[in-house]
């Protein structure tokens, strides 16, 4: 089993589209997809707005998406071809409490793809891709913390290239790392697909032979 993590420095820069794109382009690897959302004070870290991420017990919730047409990000993963799609919601700083359930789900997965930065506190993936957009000034602490661990950088096409405009962020951390340009609508390219397949994935045996 391979574990691929897709992170990024801010919201709405294409992370979910990258996950969906990889699943759609590499369906033969039997994906279990995870979306990890953290919240605090009734606000979602995905977009800073009031949302329904907060759980009843104010600690965590793990739920499996059942519909590919519900309009959620986890539904997009199913629609792209994932075998399973799981949404993990935790209060900021409480992801550790969800790790036993996440590890249990990982143990049952063919291959796993996780949209998150913070998960890198608790596991070492086979591949970590970080999405950067020079047109977005926000840079999350979790993305800054793990920037040097990126195996490749996916640069959202904005016409600006990748310029050092972020406060307290050194692009020296990603010097020499492979860079790939991604753009709407699918935020995917043949080069990214090839890189992921060559560096992280192995053919799976048919289910009947496992």
N, C-alpha and C. Protein backbone atom coordinates (compact mmCIF):
# COMPACT_ATOMS: atom_id res chain seq x y z
N UNK A 1 0.84 -1.20 0.00
CA UNK A 1 0.00 0.00 0.00
C UNK A 1 0.87 1.24 0.00
N UNK A 2 0.47 2.23 -0.76
CA UNK A 2 1.15 3.53 -0.77
C UNK A 2 0.23 4.57 -0.14
N UNK A 3 0.86 5.54 0.53
CA UNK A 3 0.12 6.67 1.09
C UNK A 3 0.65 7.94 0.44
N UNK A 4 -0.25 8.68 -0.19
CA UNK A 4 0.10 9.96 -0.82
C UNK A 4 -0.64 11.06 -0.07
N UNK A 5 0.09 12.11 0.30
CA UNK A 5 -0.50 13.25 0.97
C UNK A 5 -0.43 14.46 0.05
N UNK A 6 -1.54 15.16 -0.07
CA UNK A 6 -1.60 16.39 -0.86
C UNK A 6 -1.95 17.52 0.09
N UNK A 7 -1.04 18.48 0.21
CA UNK A 7 -1.27 19.64 1.07
C UNK A 7 -1.13 20.92 0.27
N UNK A 8 -1.13 22.03 0.99
CA UNK A 8 -1.00 23.32 0.32
C UNK A 8 -1.05 24.42 1.34
N UNK A 9 -0.72 25.64 0.91
CA UNK A 9 -0.52 26.71 1.86
C UNK A 9 -1.79 27.49 2.20
N UNK A 10 -2.89 27.27 1.47
CA UNK A 10 -4.10 28.03 1.73
C UNK A 10 -5.30 27.29 1.18
N UNK A 11 -6.48 27.87 1.37
CA UNK A 11 -7.71 27.29 0.86
C UNK A 11 -7.91 27.71 -0.60
N UNK A 12 -8.75 26.98 -1.29
CA UNK A 12 -9.19 27.33 -2.65
C UNK A 12 -8.04 27.52 -3.63
N UNK A 13 -7.01 26.68 -3.50
CA UNK A 13 -5.90 26.76 -4.44
C UNK A 13 -5.77 25.50 -5.29
N UNK A 14 -6.70 24.53 -5.10
CA UNK A 14 -6.71 23.37 -5.98
C UNK A 14 -6.35 22.05 -5.33
N UNK A 15 -6.22 22.01 -4.01
CA UNK A 15 -5.81 20.75 -3.36
C UNK A 15 -6.81 19.63 -3.62
N UNK A 16 -8.09 19.92 -3.42
CA UNK A 16 -9.12 18.90 -3.64
C UNK A 16 -9.14 18.45 -5.10
N UNK A 17 -8.95 19.39 -6.01
CA UNK A 17 -8.92 19.05 -7.43
C UNK A 17 -7.74 18.17 -7.78
N UNK A 18 -6.59 18.40 -7.12
CA UNK A 18 -5.41 17.55 -7.35
C UNK A 18 -5.71 16.13 -6.89
N UNK A 19 -6.30 15.98 -5.70
CA UNK A 19 -6.65 14.65 -5.20
C UNK A 19 -7.62 13.96 -6.17
N UNK A 20 -8.68 14.66 -6.55
CA UNK A 20 -9.66 14.08 -7.46
C UNK A 20 -9.02 13.75 -8.80
N UNK A 21 -8.13 14.61 -9.27
CA UNK A 21 -7.48 14.37 -10.56
C UNK A 21 -6.60 13.14 -10.56
N UNK A 22 -5.85 12.94 -9.48
CA UNK A 22 -5.00 11.75 -9.39
C UNK A 22 -5.83 10.47 -9.32
N UNK A 23 -6.91 10.52 -8.56
CA UNK A 23 -7.79 9.35 -8.48
C UNK A 23 -8.35 9.02 -9.86
N UNK A 24 -8.81 10.05 -10.58
CA UNK A 24 -9.42 9.83 -11.89
C UNK A 24 -8.42 9.31 -12.91
N UNK A 25 -7.18 9.79 -12.83
CA UNK A 25 -6.17 9.39 -13.82
C UNK A 25 -5.51 8.05 -13.47
N UNK A 26 -5.62 7.63 -12.21
CA UNK A 26 -4.97 6.39 -11.79
C UNK A 26 -5.96 5.49 -11.04
N UNK A 27 -7.09 5.17 -11.68
CA UNK A 27 -8.14 4.43 -10.97
C UNK A 27 -7.76 3.00 -10.61
N UNK A 28 -6.78 2.45 -11.30
CA UNK A 28 -6.40 1.06 -11.09
C UNK A 28 -5.76 0.80 -9.73
N UNK A 29 -5.47 1.86 -8.99
CA UNK A 29 -4.78 1.70 -7.70
C UNK A 29 -5.73 1.63 -6.51
N UNK A 30 -7.02 1.56 -6.74
CA UNK A 30 -8.01 1.26 -5.69
C UNK A 30 -7.87 2.19 -4.50
N UNK A 31 -8.21 3.44 -4.71
CA UNK A 31 -7.97 4.49 -3.73
C UNK A 31 -8.99 4.50 -2.59
N UNK A 32 -8.49 4.71 -1.39
CA UNK A 32 -9.29 5.23 -0.29
C UNK A 32 -8.84 6.67 -0.08
N UNK A 33 -9.76 7.61 -0.17
CA UNK A 33 -9.43 9.03 -0.09
C UNK A 33 -9.88 9.59 1.26
N UNK A 34 -9.07 10.47 1.80
CA UNK A 34 -9.38 11.12 3.08
C UNK A 34 -9.33 12.63 2.91
N UNK A 35 -10.29 13.31 3.51
CA UNK A 35 -10.24 14.76 3.65
C UNK A 35 -10.21 15.06 5.14
N UNK A 36 -9.20 15.81 5.58
CA UNK A 36 -9.08 16.15 6.99
C UNK A 36 -9.36 17.63 7.16
N UNK A 37 -10.34 17.93 8.00
CA UNK A 37 -10.77 19.30 8.26
C UNK A 37 -10.60 19.58 9.75
N UNK A 38 -9.99 20.72 10.07
CA UNK A 38 -9.87 21.13 11.46
C UNK A 38 -10.70 22.39 11.69
N UNK A 39 -11.24 22.51 12.87
CA UNK A 39 -12.11 23.65 13.16
C UNK A 39 -11.80 24.17 14.56
N UNK A 40 -12.25 25.39 14.81
CA UNK A 40 -12.10 25.99 16.12
C UNK A 40 -13.05 27.15 16.29
N UNK A 41 -13.67 27.24 17.44
CA UNK A 41 -14.58 28.33 17.76
C UNK A 41 -15.71 28.45 16.72
N UNK A 42 -16.13 27.28 16.18
CA UNK A 42 -17.24 27.29 15.24
C UNK A 42 -16.87 27.70 13.84
N UNK A 43 -15.57 27.85 13.57
CA UNK A 43 -15.14 28.27 12.24
C UNK A 43 -14.24 27.19 11.64
N UNK A 44 -14.36 27.02 10.35
CA UNK A 44 -13.63 25.98 9.63
C UNK A 44 -12.28 26.52 9.16
N UNK A 45 -11.22 25.73 9.34
CA UNK A 45 -9.93 26.16 8.86
C UNK A 45 -9.82 26.08 7.35
N UNK A 46 -10.79 25.46 6.70
CA UNK A 46 -10.76 25.39 5.24
C UNK A 46 -11.05 26.74 4.61
N UNK A 47 -11.95 27.52 5.24
CA UNK A 47 -12.29 28.80 4.62
C UNK A 47 -12.53 29.92 5.62
N UNK A 48 -12.40 29.64 6.93
CA UNK A 48 -12.54 30.68 7.92
C UNK A 48 -13.95 31.15 8.15
N UNK A 49 -14.94 30.41 7.65
CA UNK A 49 -16.33 30.81 7.77
C UNK A 49 -17.08 29.83 8.66
N UNK A 50 -18.21 30.27 9.25
CA UNK A 50 -19.02 29.33 10.04
C UNK A 50 -19.42 28.14 9.18
N UNK A 51 -19.39 26.95 9.80
CA UNK A 51 -19.67 25.76 9.00
C UNK A 51 -20.22 24.66 9.89
N UNK A 52 -20.45 23.48 9.29
CA UNK A 52 -20.97 22.35 10.04
C UNK A 52 -19.89 21.33 10.35
N UNK A 53 -18.64 21.76 10.32
CA UNK A 53 -17.55 20.83 10.60
C UNK A 53 -17.52 20.42 12.07
N UNK A 54 -17.89 21.35 12.97
CA UNK A 54 -17.80 21.07 14.39
C UNK A 54 -18.69 19.89 14.75
N UNK A 55 -18.14 18.99 15.55
CA UNK A 55 -18.84 17.77 15.90
C UNK A 55 -19.65 17.96 17.17
N UNK A 56 -20.58 17.05 17.41
CA UNK A 56 -21.45 17.15 18.58
C UNK A 56 -20.66 17.10 19.89
N UNK A 57 -19.59 16.29 19.90
CA UNK A 57 -18.82 16.18 21.14
C UNK A 57 -17.65 17.16 21.17
N UNK A 58 -17.58 18.02 20.15
CA UNK A 58 -16.58 19.09 20.11
C UNK A 58 -15.14 18.57 20.04
N UNK A 59 -14.96 17.31 19.66
CA UNK A 59 -13.61 16.75 19.60
C UNK A 59 -13.29 16.24 18.20
N UNK A 60 -14.01 15.22 17.74
CA UNK A 60 -13.72 14.68 16.42
C UNK A 60 -14.91 13.91 15.89
N UNK A 61 -14.90 13.71 14.59
CA UNK A 61 -15.87 12.84 13.93
C UNK A 61 -15.22 12.28 12.68
N UNK A 62 -15.49 11.02 12.40
CA UNK A 62 -15.00 10.37 11.18
C UNK A 62 -16.21 9.76 10.50
N UNK A 63 -16.46 10.17 9.26
CA UNK A 63 -17.63 9.66 8.55
C UNK A 63 -17.25 9.27 7.13
N UNK A 64 -17.92 8.24 6.63
CA UNK A 64 -17.67 7.78 5.26
C UNK A 64 -18.72 8.35 4.33
N UNK A 65 -18.26 8.92 3.22
CA UNK A 65 -19.16 9.45 2.20
C UNK A 65 -19.80 8.28 1.45
N UNK A 66 -21.11 8.35 1.29
CA UNK A 66 -21.83 7.28 0.59
C UNK A 66 -22.34 7.69 -0.77
N UNK A 67 -22.41 8.99 -1.03
CA UNK A 67 -22.98 9.48 -2.28
C UNK A 67 -21.93 10.20 -3.10
N UNK A 68 -21.90 9.91 -4.38
CA UNK A 68 -20.98 10.60 -5.28
C UNK A 68 -21.58 11.88 -5.84
N UNK A 69 -22.80 12.20 -5.42
CA UNK A 69 -23.50 13.35 -6.00
C UNK A 69 -23.95 14.37 -4.95
N UNK A 70 -23.43 14.27 -3.74
CA UNK A 70 -23.88 15.16 -2.67
C UNK A 70 -23.30 16.57 -2.76
N UNK A 71 -22.29 16.75 -3.61
CA UNK A 71 -21.70 18.07 -3.78
C UNK A 71 -20.56 18.38 -2.85
N UNK A 72 -20.21 17.48 -1.96
CA UNK A 72 -19.11 17.70 -1.04
C UNK A 72 -17.77 17.33 -1.69
N UNK A 73 -16.68 17.73 -1.04
CA UNK A 73 -15.37 17.36 -1.55
C UNK A 73 -15.19 15.85 -1.51
N UNK A 74 -15.66 15.20 -0.45
CA UNK A 74 -15.53 13.75 -0.37
C UNK A 74 -16.38 13.05 -1.43
N UNK A 75 -17.49 13.67 -1.82
CA UNK A 75 -18.28 13.12 -2.93
C UNK A 75 -17.50 13.22 -4.24
N UNK A 76 -16.76 14.30 -4.40
CA UNK A 76 -15.93 14.44 -5.61
C UNK A 76 -14.93 13.30 -5.71
N UNK A 77 -14.40 12.88 -4.59
CA UNK A 77 -13.43 11.77 -4.62
C UNK A 77 -14.11 10.49 -5.10
N UNK A 78 -15.32 10.22 -4.61
CA UNK A 78 -16.05 9.04 -5.08
C UNK A 78 -16.37 9.16 -6.56
N UNK A 79 -16.82 10.34 -6.97
CA UNK A 79 -17.16 10.54 -8.39
C UNK A 79 -15.95 10.37 -9.29
N UNK A 80 -14.77 10.62 -8.76
CA UNK A 80 -13.54 10.48 -9.55
C UNK A 80 -13.08 9.04 -9.63
N UNK A 81 -13.66 8.17 -8.80
CA UNK A 81 -13.32 6.75 -8.88
C UNK A 81 -12.76 6.13 -7.62
N UNK A 82 -12.71 6.87 -6.51
CA UNK A 82 -12.23 6.28 -5.26
C UNK A 82 -13.16 5.16 -4.81
N UNK A 83 -12.59 4.10 -4.26
CA UNK A 83 -13.41 3.02 -3.72
C UNK A 83 -14.12 3.46 -2.45
N UNK A 84 -13.43 4.27 -1.63
CA UNK A 84 -14.02 4.79 -0.40
C UNK A 84 -13.55 6.22 -0.23
N UNK A 85 -14.35 7.01 0.49
CA UNK A 85 -14.01 8.41 0.73
C UNK A 85 -14.42 8.77 2.16
N UNK A 86 -13.49 9.28 2.93
CA UNK A 86 -13.69 9.46 4.36
C UNK A 86 -13.39 10.90 4.76
N UNK A 87 -14.28 11.48 5.54
CA UNK A 87 -14.11 12.85 6.04
C UNK A 87 -13.79 12.79 7.53
N UNK A 88 -12.63 13.35 7.88
CA UNK A 88 -12.19 13.41 9.27
C UNK A 88 -12.27 14.85 9.73
N UNK A 89 -13.04 15.09 10.79
CA UNK A 89 -13.18 16.44 11.35
C UNK A 89 -12.65 16.44 12.77
N UNK A 90 -11.74 17.37 13.08
CA UNK A 90 -11.21 17.47 14.43
C UNK A 90 -11.08 18.93 14.83
N UNK A 91 -11.13 19.15 16.12
CA UNK A 91 -10.80 20.48 16.63
C UNK A 91 -9.31 20.72 16.39
N UNK A 92 -8.92 21.97 16.18
CA UNK A 92 -7.52 22.31 15.98
C UNK A 92 -6.69 21.75 17.13
N UNK A 93 -5.62 21.05 16.77
CA UNK A 93 -4.73 20.47 17.76
C UNK A 93 -5.16 19.12 18.27
N UNK A 94 -6.29 18.58 17.78
CA UNK A 94 -6.81 17.32 18.29
C UNK A 94 -6.76 16.19 17.26
N UNK A 95 -6.03 16.37 16.19
CA UNK A 95 -5.97 15.33 15.16
C UNK A 95 -5.43 14.02 15.73
N UNK A 96 -4.59 14.11 16.74
CA UNK A 96 -4.03 12.89 17.34
C UNK A 96 -5.14 11.94 17.80
N UNK A 97 -6.28 12.48 18.24
CA UNK A 97 -7.36 11.62 18.72
C UNK A 97 -8.02 10.84 17.59
N UNK A 98 -7.89 11.32 16.37
CA UNK A 98 -8.47 10.62 15.23
C UNK A 98 -7.52 9.59 14.62
N UNK A 99 -6.26 9.60 15.03
CA UNK A 99 -5.27 8.74 14.37
C UNK A 99 -5.55 7.25 14.52
N UNK A 100 -6.05 6.74 15.67
CA UNK A 100 -6.35 5.31 15.70
C UNK A 100 -7.37 4.90 14.63
N UNK A 101 -8.41 5.70 14.42
CA UNK A 101 -9.40 5.38 13.39
C UNK A 101 -8.78 5.53 12.00
N UNK A 102 -7.99 6.56 11.79
CA UNK A 102 -7.36 6.76 10.49
C UNK A 102 -6.44 5.58 10.17
N UNK A 103 -5.65 5.15 11.14
CA UNK A 103 -4.74 4.02 10.91
C UNK A 103 -5.51 2.74 10.62
N UNK A 104 -6.64 2.56 11.28
CA UNK A 104 -7.48 1.39 11.00
C UNK A 104 -7.98 1.42 9.56
N UNK A 105 -8.42 2.59 9.11
CA UNK A 105 -8.89 2.71 7.73
C UNK A 105 -7.75 2.51 6.74
N UNK A 106 -6.58 3.03 7.07
CA UNK A 106 -5.42 2.86 6.19
C UNK A 106 -5.05 1.39 6.04
N UNK A 107 -5.18 0.63 7.11
CA UNK A 107 -4.82 -0.78 7.07
C UNK A 107 -5.71 -1.57 6.12
N UNK A 108 -6.91 -1.05 5.83
CA UNK A 108 -7.84 -1.73 4.94
C UNK A 108 -7.78 -1.20 3.50
N UNK A 109 -6.98 -0.19 3.27
CA UNK A 109 -6.98 0.48 1.97
C UNK A 109 -6.08 -0.23 0.97
N UNK A 110 -6.45 -0.11 -0.31
CA UNK A 110 -5.55 -0.54 -1.37
C UNK A 110 -4.39 0.42 -1.44
N UNK A 111 -4.68 1.66 -1.79
CA UNK A 111 -3.75 2.78 -1.68
C UNK A 111 -4.55 3.94 -1.10
N UNK A 112 -3.87 4.85 -0.43
CA UNK A 112 -4.56 5.95 0.24
C UNK A 112 -4.03 7.28 -0.25
N UNK A 113 -4.95 8.25 -0.39
CA UNK A 113 -4.58 9.61 -0.73
C UNK A 113 -5.29 10.53 0.26
N UNK A 114 -4.52 11.42 0.89
CA UNK A 114 -5.01 12.21 2.02
C UNK A 114 -4.82 13.69 1.72
N UNK A 115 -5.90 14.46 1.81
CA UNK A 115 -5.80 15.90 1.65
C UNK A 115 -5.59 16.52 3.04
N UNK A 116 -4.36 16.94 3.31
CA UNK A 116 -4.03 17.47 4.62
C UNK A 116 -2.55 17.87 4.64
N UNK A 117 -2.20 18.82 5.49
CA UNK A 117 -0.81 19.04 5.87
C UNK A 117 -0.53 18.42 7.23
N UNK A 118 -1.45 18.61 8.15
CA UNK A 118 -1.22 18.25 9.55
C UNK A 118 -1.01 16.76 9.76
N UNK A 119 -1.51 15.91 8.86
CA UNK A 119 -1.34 14.47 9.01
C UNK A 119 0.14 14.10 9.04
N UNK A 120 1.01 14.96 8.51
CA UNK A 120 2.44 14.67 8.48
C UNK A 120 3.06 14.66 9.87
N UNK A 121 2.33 15.16 10.87
CA UNK A 121 2.80 15.05 12.25
C UNK A 121 2.83 13.60 12.72
N UNK A 122 1.99 12.76 12.10
CA UNK A 122 1.74 11.44 12.64
C UNK A 122 2.11 10.29 11.73
N UNK A 123 2.38 10.56 10.47
CA UNK A 123 2.80 9.48 9.58
C UNK A 123 3.74 10.01 8.51
N UNK A 124 4.51 9.10 7.96
CA UNK A 124 5.44 9.44 6.88
C UNK A 124 4.89 8.83 5.60
N UNK A 125 4.37 9.65 4.70
CA UNK A 125 3.79 9.10 3.47
C UNK A 125 4.86 8.66 2.48
N UNK A 126 4.44 7.93 1.49
CA UNK A 126 5.36 7.57 0.40
C UNK A 126 5.65 8.78 -0.48
N UNK A 127 4.70 9.73 -0.50
CA UNK A 127 4.87 10.92 -1.34
C UNK A 127 4.06 12.06 -0.73
N UNK A 128 4.69 13.23 -0.65
CA UNK A 128 3.98 14.43 -0.18
C UNK A 128 4.08 15.49 -1.26
N UNK A 129 2.92 15.90 -1.77
CA UNK A 129 2.85 16.95 -2.78
C UNK A 129 2.28 18.20 -2.14
N UNK A 130 2.91 19.34 -2.35
CA UNK A 130 2.37 20.58 -1.82
C UNK A 130 1.97 21.50 -2.97
N UNK A 131 0.80 22.10 -2.83
CA UNK A 131 0.26 23.00 -3.84
C UNK A 131 0.53 24.44 -3.41
N UNK A 132 1.14 25.23 -4.29
CA UNK A 132 1.46 26.62 -4.00
C UNK A 132 0.86 27.53 -5.07
N UNK A 133 0.34 28.66 -4.64
CA UNK A 133 -0.26 29.65 -5.54
C UNK A 133 0.30 31.01 -5.18
N UNK A 134 1.14 31.56 -6.04
CA UNK A 134 1.77 32.85 -5.76
C UNK A 134 0.78 33.99 -5.70
N UNK A 135 -0.43 33.77 -6.20
CA UNK A 135 -1.44 34.80 -6.16
C UNK A 135 -2.23 34.84 -4.87
N UNK A 136 -1.94 33.93 -3.94
CA UNK A 136 -2.64 33.86 -2.65
C UNK A 136 -1.63 34.12 -1.55
N UNK A 137 -1.83 35.19 -0.80
CA UNK A 137 -0.84 35.62 0.19
C UNK A 137 -0.85 34.77 1.45
N UNK A 138 -1.99 34.23 1.82
CA UNK A 138 -2.08 33.45 3.05
C UNK A 138 -1.16 32.23 3.00
N UNK A 139 -0.52 31.92 4.13
CA UNK A 139 0.34 30.73 4.19
C UNK A 139 0.13 30.09 5.55
N UNK A 140 -0.55 28.95 5.57
CA UNK A 140 -0.90 28.29 6.82
C UNK A 140 0.35 27.81 7.55
N UNK A 141 0.27 27.83 8.88
CA UNK A 141 1.40 27.37 9.68
C UNK A 141 1.75 25.93 9.39
N UNK A 142 0.74 25.08 9.18
CA UNK A 142 1.01 23.67 8.92
C UNK A 142 1.76 23.48 7.61
N UNK A 143 1.44 24.29 6.60
CA UNK A 143 2.14 24.20 5.32
C UNK A 143 3.57 24.68 5.46
N UNK A 144 3.79 25.72 6.24
CA UNK A 144 5.14 26.24 6.47
C UNK A 144 5.99 25.21 7.21
N UNK A 145 5.38 24.56 8.20
CA UNK A 145 6.10 23.60 9.02
C UNK A 145 6.65 22.43 8.21
N UNK A 146 5.89 21.99 7.22
CA UNK A 146 6.27 20.79 6.48
C UNK A 146 6.74 21.08 5.05
N UNK A 147 6.98 22.32 4.73
CA UNK A 147 7.33 22.67 3.35
C UNK A 147 8.58 21.94 2.88
N UNK A 148 9.56 21.80 3.76
CA UNK A 148 10.81 21.16 3.35
C UNK A 148 10.65 19.66 3.12
N UNK A 149 9.53 19.08 3.56
CA UNK A 149 9.30 17.65 3.37
C UNK A 149 8.62 17.33 2.05
N UNK A 150 8.26 18.33 1.29
CA UNK A 150 7.58 18.09 0.01
C UNK A 150 8.49 17.33 -0.95
N UNK A 151 7.94 16.31 -1.59
CA UNK A 151 8.68 15.57 -2.61
C UNK A 151 8.58 16.27 -3.96
N UNK A 152 7.51 17.05 -4.15
CA UNK A 152 7.33 17.82 -5.37
C UNK A 152 6.41 18.99 -5.07
N UNK A 153 6.54 20.04 -5.86
CA UNK A 153 5.76 21.25 -5.70
C UNK A 153 4.86 21.40 -6.92
N UNK A 154 3.56 21.56 -6.67
CA UNK A 154 2.61 21.80 -7.74
C UNK A 154 2.26 23.28 -7.73
N UNK A 155 2.65 23.99 -8.75
CA UNK A 155 2.50 25.45 -8.81
C UNK A 155 1.26 25.78 -9.62
N UNK A 156 0.30 26.44 -8.96
CA UNK A 156 -0.91 26.83 -9.66
C UNK A 156 -0.59 27.95 -10.64
N UNK A 157 -0.97 27.77 -11.88
CA UNK A 157 -0.67 28.75 -12.92
C UNK A 157 -1.44 30.04 -12.67
N UNK A 158 -0.70 31.14 -12.50
CA UNK A 158 -1.33 32.45 -12.29
C UNK A 158 -0.73 33.50 -13.20
N UNK A 159 0.28 33.13 -13.97
CA UNK A 159 0.98 34.11 -14.80
C UNK A 159 2.11 34.79 -14.08
N UNK A 160 2.27 34.48 -12.78
CA UNK A 160 3.33 35.10 -12.00
C UNK A 160 4.51 34.18 -11.75
N UNK A 161 4.36 32.90 -12.04
CA UNK A 161 5.38 31.96 -11.65
C UNK A 161 5.31 31.76 -10.15
N UNK A 162 6.43 31.40 -9.54
CA UNK A 162 6.49 31.22 -8.10
C UNK A 162 7.45 32.26 -7.55
N UNK A 163 6.92 33.23 -6.85
CA UNK A 163 7.75 34.34 -6.36
C UNK A 163 7.69 34.37 -4.83
N UNK A 164 8.77 34.82 -4.19
CA UNK A 164 8.84 34.81 -2.72
C UNK A 164 8.08 35.99 -2.10
N UNK A 165 6.75 35.91 -2.10
CA UNK A 165 5.97 37.02 -1.58
C UNK A 165 5.35 36.75 -0.22
N UNK A 166 5.58 35.56 0.35
CA UNK A 166 4.95 35.20 1.61
C UNK A 166 5.82 35.60 2.79
N UNK A 167 5.19 36.10 3.84
CA UNK A 167 5.91 36.47 5.05
C UNK A 167 6.44 35.22 5.75
N UNK A 168 7.67 35.30 6.20
CA UNK A 168 8.29 34.24 7.00
C UNK A 168 8.33 32.89 6.30
N UNK A 169 8.38 32.90 4.98
CA UNK A 169 8.48 31.67 4.21
C UNK A 169 9.68 31.75 3.30
N UNK A 170 10.59 30.80 3.43
CA UNK A 170 11.78 30.77 2.59
C UNK A 170 11.61 29.71 1.50
N UNK A 171 11.71 30.16 0.25
CA UNK A 171 11.61 29.21 -0.86
C UNK A 171 12.87 28.36 -1.01
N UNK A 172 13.89 28.65 -0.21
CA UNK A 172 15.06 27.78 -0.20
C UNK A 172 14.71 26.38 0.26
N UNK A 173 13.63 26.27 1.02
CA UNK A 173 13.19 24.96 1.51
C UNK A 173 12.77 24.02 0.39
N UNK A 174 12.43 24.58 -0.77
CA UNK A 174 12.00 23.72 -1.88
C UNK A 174 12.94 23.83 -3.07
N UNK A 175 14.11 24.41 -2.86
CA UNK A 175 15.09 24.48 -3.95
C UNK A 175 15.48 23.07 -4.38
N UNK A 176 15.52 22.86 -5.68
CA UNK A 176 15.93 21.57 -6.22
C UNK A 176 14.83 20.52 -6.25
N UNK A 177 13.67 20.82 -5.70
CA UNK A 177 12.58 19.85 -5.75
C UNK A 177 11.84 19.94 -7.08
N UNK A 178 11.33 18.84 -7.58
CA UNK A 178 10.57 18.89 -8.84
C UNK A 178 9.38 19.84 -8.72
N UNK A 179 9.15 20.62 -9.79
CA UNK A 179 8.01 21.53 -9.84
C UNK A 179 7.18 21.25 -11.08
N UNK A 180 5.89 21.28 -10.89
CA UNK A 180 4.97 21.04 -11.99
C UNK A 180 3.90 22.13 -11.99
N UNK A 181 3.56 22.61 -13.17
CA UNK A 181 2.51 23.61 -13.31
C UNK A 181 1.16 22.91 -13.40
N UNK A 182 0.20 23.39 -12.61
CA UNK A 182 -1.16 22.87 -12.69
C UNK A 182 -2.10 24.04 -12.93
N UNK A 183 -3.22 23.78 -13.54
CA UNK A 183 -4.15 24.85 -13.89
C UNK A 183 -5.57 24.32 -13.93
N UNK A 184 -6.56 25.20 -13.71
CA UNK A 184 -7.95 24.79 -13.84
C UNK A 184 -8.21 24.27 -15.25
N UNK A 185 -9.21 23.42 -15.45
CA UNK A 185 -10.17 23.01 -14.42
C UNK A 185 -9.78 21.78 -13.62
N UNK A 186 -8.83 20.96 -14.12
CA UNK A 186 -8.57 19.69 -13.45
C UNK A 186 -7.32 19.70 -12.57
N UNK A 187 -6.50 20.76 -12.67
CA UNK A 187 -5.30 20.88 -11.82
C UNK A 187 -4.43 19.62 -11.90
N UNK A 188 -4.33 19.07 -13.09
CA UNK A 188 -3.57 17.84 -13.26
C UNK A 188 -2.84 17.89 -14.58
N UNK A 189 -1.78 17.09 -14.69
CA UNK A 189 -1.03 17.02 -15.94
C UNK A 189 -0.44 15.62 -16.07
N UNK A 190 -0.06 15.26 -17.29
CA UNK A 190 0.56 13.96 -17.51
C UNK A 190 1.85 13.83 -16.71
N UNK A 191 2.57 14.95 -16.54
CA UNK A 191 3.84 14.92 -15.82
C UNK A 191 3.63 14.60 -14.34
N UNK A 192 2.61 15.18 -13.74
CA UNK A 192 2.31 14.90 -12.34
C UNK A 192 1.90 13.44 -12.17
N UNK A 193 1.03 12.96 -13.04
CA UNK A 193 0.58 11.58 -12.97
C UNK A 193 1.77 10.62 -13.07
N UNK A 194 2.65 10.88 -14.02
CA UNK A 194 3.82 10.03 -14.21
C UNK A 194 4.73 10.06 -12.99
N UNK A 195 4.93 11.24 -12.41
CA UNK A 195 5.80 11.37 -11.24
C UNK A 195 5.24 10.56 -10.08
N UNK A 196 3.95 10.68 -9.82
CA UNK A 196 3.33 9.96 -8.72
C UNK A 196 3.42 8.46 -8.93
N UNK A 197 3.14 8.02 -10.14
CA UNK A 197 3.16 6.59 -10.42
C UNK A 197 4.56 6.01 -10.29
N UNK A 198 5.54 6.73 -10.77
CA UNK A 198 6.91 6.24 -10.74
C UNK A 198 7.52 6.25 -9.34
N UNK A 199 7.13 7.22 -8.52
CA UNK A 199 7.79 7.40 -7.23
C UNK A 199 7.05 6.80 -6.04
N UNK A 200 5.79 6.39 -6.22
CA UNK A 200 5.06 5.93 -5.05
C UNK A 200 4.24 4.67 -5.25
N UNK A 201 3.88 4.33 -6.47
CA UNK A 201 2.86 3.31 -6.65
C UNK A 201 3.41 2.02 -7.23
N UNK A 202 2.81 0.94 -6.80
CA UNK A 202 3.13 -0.38 -7.33
C UNK A 202 1.83 -1.05 -7.77
N UNK A 203 1.87 -1.82 -8.83
CA UNK A 203 0.64 -2.48 -9.26
C UNK A 203 0.06 -3.37 -8.15
N UNK A 204 -1.25 -3.35 -7.99
CA UNK A 204 -1.92 -4.19 -7.00
C UNK A 204 -2.35 -5.50 -7.65
N UNK A 205 -2.26 -6.56 -6.87
CA UNK A 205 -2.78 -7.83 -7.34
C UNK A 205 -4.31 -7.78 -7.36
N UNK A 206 -4.92 -8.55 -8.24
CA UNK A 206 -6.40 -8.59 -8.24
C UNK A 206 -6.91 -8.96 -6.85
N UNK A 207 -8.07 -8.44 -6.50
CA UNK A 207 -8.62 -8.63 -5.17
C UNK A 207 -8.72 -10.10 -4.79
N UNK A 208 -9.08 -10.95 -5.76
CA UNK A 208 -9.26 -12.37 -5.47
C UNK A 208 -7.98 -13.06 -5.08
N UNK A 209 -6.84 -12.48 -5.42
CA UNK A 209 -5.56 -13.10 -5.14
C UNK A 209 -4.87 -12.51 -3.93
N UNK A 210 -5.47 -11.52 -3.31
CA UNK A 210 -4.86 -10.83 -2.18
C UNK A 210 -4.96 -11.66 -0.90
